[in-house]
Every structure is written in structure tokens, then in C-alpha cells.
Amino acid sequence: MGKLVYRRSVEMAAEILGGNQAVAHYLGVAPDDVLSWLEGKTEPATKFFLRLAELIEQKTVNAARSAAVVRSRRGEAG
């Protein structure tokens, strides 16, 4: 199960940042490292995994705030 968490985190970061190359650049690692994580061959070091988790968390918080604002504005308009 651990490898699935790492792979999914890398996949989500790639969605947020715009691809595997962007994830590699964001973390300061080689693109081959990112590919290896995605393929389950290796696992990212804890410091890289935590940076990915922070990125995903921030994106989630921002999305939730945006959704709350939209709902609030819809309530005001109605």
C-alpha cells in the first residue's frame, strides 16, 4: 500500500504542476527519479514526499476556499 501512496502523490503533483518534468524541477531531482517513483521501482525520500504532500494539501485548501466563496456568492444572489 505504501507504494500506492507515493505513486498517487506524484501523479497528483504532476496534475497540479503540469507534468512529470515539472515535478522533477519542483523537487530538484532528475526526471528519471520521478518516473521510477511512478513505476513503483523506488520510493521518494521522505523530504520529497513531504514536499509533495504540502503541495497537494495547499492545492486542496485553495480549492475548498474557492468553492466556499462560489457557494457564498450563489447564496447572496438568490
N, C-alpha and C. Protein backbone atom coordinates (compact mmCIF):
# COMPACT_ATOMS: atom_id res chain seq x y z
N MET A 1 0.81 -1.19 0.00
CA MET A 1 0.00 0.00 0.00
C MET A 1 0.86 1.26 0.00
N GLY A 2 2.03 1.23 0.63
CA GLY A 2 2.89 2.41 0.71
C GLY A 2 3.26 2.94 -0.66
N LYS A 3 3.60 2.02 -1.56
CA LYS A 3 4.00 2.47 -2.90
C LYS A 3 2.86 3.16 -3.62
N LEU A 4 1.63 2.71 -3.37
CA LEU A 4 0.47 3.35 -3.99
C LEU A 4 0.34 4.81 -3.52
N VAL A 5 0.59 5.05 -2.25
CA VAL A 5 0.53 6.41 -1.71
C VAL A 5 1.57 7.29 -2.38
N TYR A 6 2.77 6.79 -2.53
CA TYR A 6 3.82 7.57 -3.18
C TYR A 6 3.46 7.84 -4.64
N ARG A 7 3.02 6.81 -5.34
CA ARG A 7 2.69 6.97 -6.76
C ARG A 7 1.55 7.96 -6.94
N ARG A 8 0.52 7.82 -6.13
CA ARG A 8 -0.63 8.73 -6.24
C ARG A 8 -0.22 10.16 -5.92
N SER A 9 0.65 10.36 -4.97
CA SER A 9 1.13 11.70 -4.64
C SER A 9 1.88 12.33 -5.81
N VAL A 10 2.71 11.53 -6.46
CA VAL A 10 3.45 12.04 -7.62
C VAL A 10 2.48 12.34 -8.76
N GLU A 11 1.50 11.48 -8.95
CA GLU A 11 0.50 11.72 -10.01
C GLU A 11 -0.27 13.00 -9.76
N MET A 12 -0.68 13.21 -8.52
CA MET A 12 -1.43 14.42 -8.19
C MET A 12 -0.57 15.67 -8.35
N ALA A 13 0.69 15.58 -7.94
CA ALA A 13 1.60 16.71 -8.10
C ALA A 13 1.80 17.02 -9.58
N ALA A 14 1.89 15.98 -10.40
CA ALA A 14 2.04 16.20 -11.84
C ALA A 14 0.82 16.90 -12.42
N GLU A 15 -0.36 16.54 -11.93
CA GLU A 15 -1.58 17.22 -12.37
C GLU A 15 -1.54 18.70 -11.98
N ILE A 16 -1.12 18.97 -10.76
CA ILE A 16 -1.07 20.34 -10.26
C ILE A 16 -0.03 21.17 -10.99
N LEU A 17 1.16 20.60 -11.16
CA LEU A 17 2.29 21.35 -11.71
C LEU A 17 2.39 21.32 -13.23
N GLY A 18 1.73 20.35 -13.85
CA GLY A 18 1.75 20.30 -15.30
C GLY A 18 2.64 19.23 -15.90
N GLY A 19 2.90 18.16 -15.18
CA GLY A 19 3.65 17.04 -15.75
C GLY A 19 4.79 16.58 -14.88
N ASN A 20 5.34 15.44 -15.28
CA ASN A 20 6.43 14.82 -14.51
C ASN A 20 7.70 15.67 -14.51
N GLN A 21 7.98 16.31 -15.63
CA GLN A 21 9.17 17.18 -15.70
C GLN A 21 9.05 18.31 -14.68
N ALA A 22 7.84 18.86 -14.56
CA ALA A 22 7.61 19.94 -13.61
C ALA A 22 7.79 19.47 -12.17
N VAL A 23 7.36 18.24 -11.90
CA VAL A 23 7.55 17.67 -10.56
C VAL A 23 9.04 17.53 -10.27
N ALA A 24 9.79 17.03 -11.24
CA ALA A 24 11.23 16.88 -11.07
C ALA A 24 11.88 18.23 -10.79
N HIS A 25 11.49 19.23 -11.55
CA HIS A 25 12.05 20.58 -11.35
C HIS A 25 11.66 21.13 -9.98
N TYR A 26 10.40 20.97 -9.60
CA TYR A 26 9.91 21.45 -8.30
C TYR A 26 10.70 20.85 -7.15
N LEU A 27 11.01 19.55 -7.27
CA LEU A 27 11.72 18.87 -6.19
C LEU A 27 13.24 18.95 -6.32
N GLY A 28 13.72 19.34 -7.51
CA GLY A 28 15.16 19.39 -7.72
C GLY A 28 15.77 18.01 -7.89
N VAL A 29 15.03 17.13 -8.54
CA VAL A 29 15.52 15.77 -8.80
C VAL A 29 15.51 15.51 -10.29
N ALA A 30 16.12 14.40 -10.68
CA ALA A 30 16.15 14.02 -12.10
C ALA A 30 14.78 13.48 -12.51
N PRO A 31 14.36 13.77 -13.75
CA PRO A 31 13.09 13.22 -14.24
C PRO A 31 13.02 11.69 -14.13
N ASP A 32 14.16 11.03 -14.26
CA ASP A 32 14.19 9.57 -14.12
C ASP A 32 13.78 9.13 -12.71
N ASP A 33 14.10 9.96 -11.71
CA ASP A 33 13.69 9.64 -10.34
C ASP A 33 12.17 9.65 -10.23
N VAL A 34 11.55 10.67 -10.81
CA VAL A 34 10.09 10.77 -10.77
C VAL A 34 9.46 9.58 -11.48
N LEU A 35 10.00 9.22 -12.61
CA LEU A 35 9.49 8.07 -13.36
C LEU A 35 9.62 6.79 -12.54
N SER A 36 10.72 6.63 -11.86
CA SER A 36 10.95 5.46 -11.03
C SER A 36 9.92 5.38 -9.89
N TRP A 37 9.57 6.52 -9.32
CA TRP A 37 8.55 6.55 -8.28
C TRP A 37 7.20 6.16 -8.85
N LEU A 38 6.89 6.70 -10.03
CA LEU A 38 5.60 6.40 -10.66
C LEU A 38 5.47 4.92 -11.02
N GLU A 39 6.57 4.32 -11.40
CA GLU A 39 6.57 2.91 -11.77
C GLU A 39 6.67 1.99 -10.56
N GLY A 40 6.85 2.55 -9.37
CA GLY A 40 6.94 1.75 -8.16
C GLY A 40 8.28 1.06 -7.98
N LYS A 41 9.27 1.47 -8.74
CA LYS A 41 10.60 0.85 -8.64
C LYS A 41 11.33 1.34 -7.40
N THR A 42 11.14 2.61 -7.07
CA THR A 42 11.75 3.19 -5.88
C THR A 42 10.71 4.08 -5.21
N GLU A 43 11.06 4.54 -4.02
CA GLU A 43 10.19 5.46 -3.28
C GLU A 43 10.94 6.77 -3.07
N PRO A 44 10.21 7.87 -3.11
CA PRO A 44 10.89 9.15 -2.87
C PRO A 44 11.39 9.24 -1.43
N ALA A 45 12.47 9.97 -1.26
CA ALA A 45 12.94 10.23 0.10
C ALA A 45 11.84 10.97 0.86
N THR A 46 11.84 10.82 2.15
CA THR A 46 10.80 11.44 2.99
C THR A 46 10.68 12.94 2.72
N LYS A 47 11.80 13.64 2.55
CA LYS A 47 11.72 15.09 2.34
C LYS A 47 11.00 15.42 1.04
N PHE A 48 11.14 14.59 0.02
CA PHE A 48 10.44 14.84 -1.24
C PHE A 48 8.95 14.50 -1.10
N PHE A 49 8.66 13.40 -0.43
CA PHE A 49 7.27 13.02 -0.22
C PHE A 49 6.54 14.11 0.57
N LEU A 50 7.18 14.65 1.59
CA LEU A 50 6.55 15.70 2.39
C LEU A 50 6.31 16.96 1.57
N ARG A 51 7.23 17.30 0.69
CA ARG A 51 7.03 18.47 -0.19
C ARG A 51 5.84 18.23 -1.11
N LEU A 52 5.70 17.01 -1.62
CA LEU A 52 4.55 16.69 -2.47
C LEU A 52 3.26 16.78 -1.66
N ALA A 53 3.28 16.26 -0.46
CA ALA A 53 2.09 16.30 0.40
C ALA A 53 1.70 17.74 0.70
N GLU A 54 2.66 18.59 0.96
CA GLU A 54 2.38 20.00 1.22
C GLU A 54 1.78 20.68 0.00
N LEU A 55 2.31 20.39 -1.18
CA LEU A 55 1.79 20.94 -2.42
C LEU A 55 0.33 20.53 -2.62
N ILE A 56 0.06 19.24 -2.43
CA ILE A 56 -1.30 18.72 -2.62
C ILE A 56 -2.24 19.32 -1.58
N GLU A 57 -1.79 19.41 -0.36
CA GLU A 57 -2.61 19.98 0.71
C GLU A 57 -2.95 21.43 0.41
N GLN A 58 -1.97 22.19 -0.03
CA GLN A 58 -2.21 23.61 -0.33
C GLN A 58 -3.20 23.75 -1.48
N LYS A 59 -3.06 22.95 -2.48
CA LYS A 59 -3.98 22.98 -3.63
C LYS A 59 -5.39 22.62 -3.17
N THR A 60 -5.51 21.64 -2.30
CA THR A 60 -6.81 21.21 -1.79
C THR A 60 -7.45 22.32 -0.96
N VAL A 61 -6.67 22.94 -0.11
CA VAL A 61 -7.19 24.03 0.73
C VAL A 61 -7.65 25.18 -0.16
N ASN A 62 -6.85 25.54 -1.15
CA ASN A 62 -7.23 26.63 -2.05
C ASN A 62 -8.51 26.31 -2.82
N ALA A 63 -8.63 25.08 -3.27
CA ALA A 63 -9.83 24.66 -4.00
C ALA A 63 -11.06 24.72 -3.09
N ALA A 64 -10.91 24.28 -1.86
CA ALA A 64 -12.02 24.30 -0.91
C ALA A 64 -12.44 25.74 -0.61
N ARG A 65 -11.46 26.63 -0.45
CA ARG A 65 -11.79 28.04 -0.21
C ARG A 65 -12.51 28.65 -1.40
N SER A 66 -12.04 28.35 -2.59
CA SER A 66 -12.69 28.87 -3.80
C SER A 66 -14.12 28.37 -3.91
N ALA A 67 -14.33 27.11 -3.61
CA ALA A 67 -15.67 26.54 -3.67
C ALA A 67 -16.58 27.19 -2.64
N ALA A 68 -16.06 27.48 -1.47
CA ALA A 68 -16.85 28.13 -0.42
C ALA A 68 -17.25 29.53 -0.85
N VAL A 69 -16.35 30.25 -1.50
CA VAL A 69 -16.65 31.60 -1.98
C VAL A 69 -17.75 31.55 -3.04
N VAL A 70 -17.64 30.60 -3.95
CA VAL A 70 -18.66 30.45 -5.00
C VAL A 70 -20.02 30.15 -4.38
N ARG A 71 -20.05 29.22 -3.43
CA ARG A 71 -21.31 28.89 -2.77
C ARG A 71 -21.87 30.10 -2.04
N SER A 72 -21.00 30.86 -1.39
CA SER A 72 -21.43 32.05 -0.67
C SER A 72 -22.03 33.08 -1.63
N ARG A 73 -21.38 33.28 -2.76
CA ARG A 73 -21.89 34.26 -3.73
C ARG A 73 -23.21 33.80 -4.33
N ARG A 74 -23.36 32.52 -4.53
CA ARG A 74 -24.63 31.99 -5.05
C ARG A 74 -25.74 32.23 -4.04
N GLY A 75 -25.42 32.09 -2.78
CA GLY A 75 -26.40 32.34 -1.72
C GLY A 75 -26.81 33.79 -1.67
N GLU A 76 -25.88 34.71 -1.92
CA GLU A 76 -26.17 36.14 -1.91
C GLU A 76 -27.03 36.54 -3.09
N ALA A 77 -26.80 35.88 -4.23
CA ALA A 77 -27.51 36.22 -5.46
C ALA A 77 -28.96 35.74 -5.42
N GLY A 78 -29.22 34.68 -4.65
CA GLY A 78 -30.54 34.04 -4.63
C GLY A 78 -31.46 34.69 -3.71
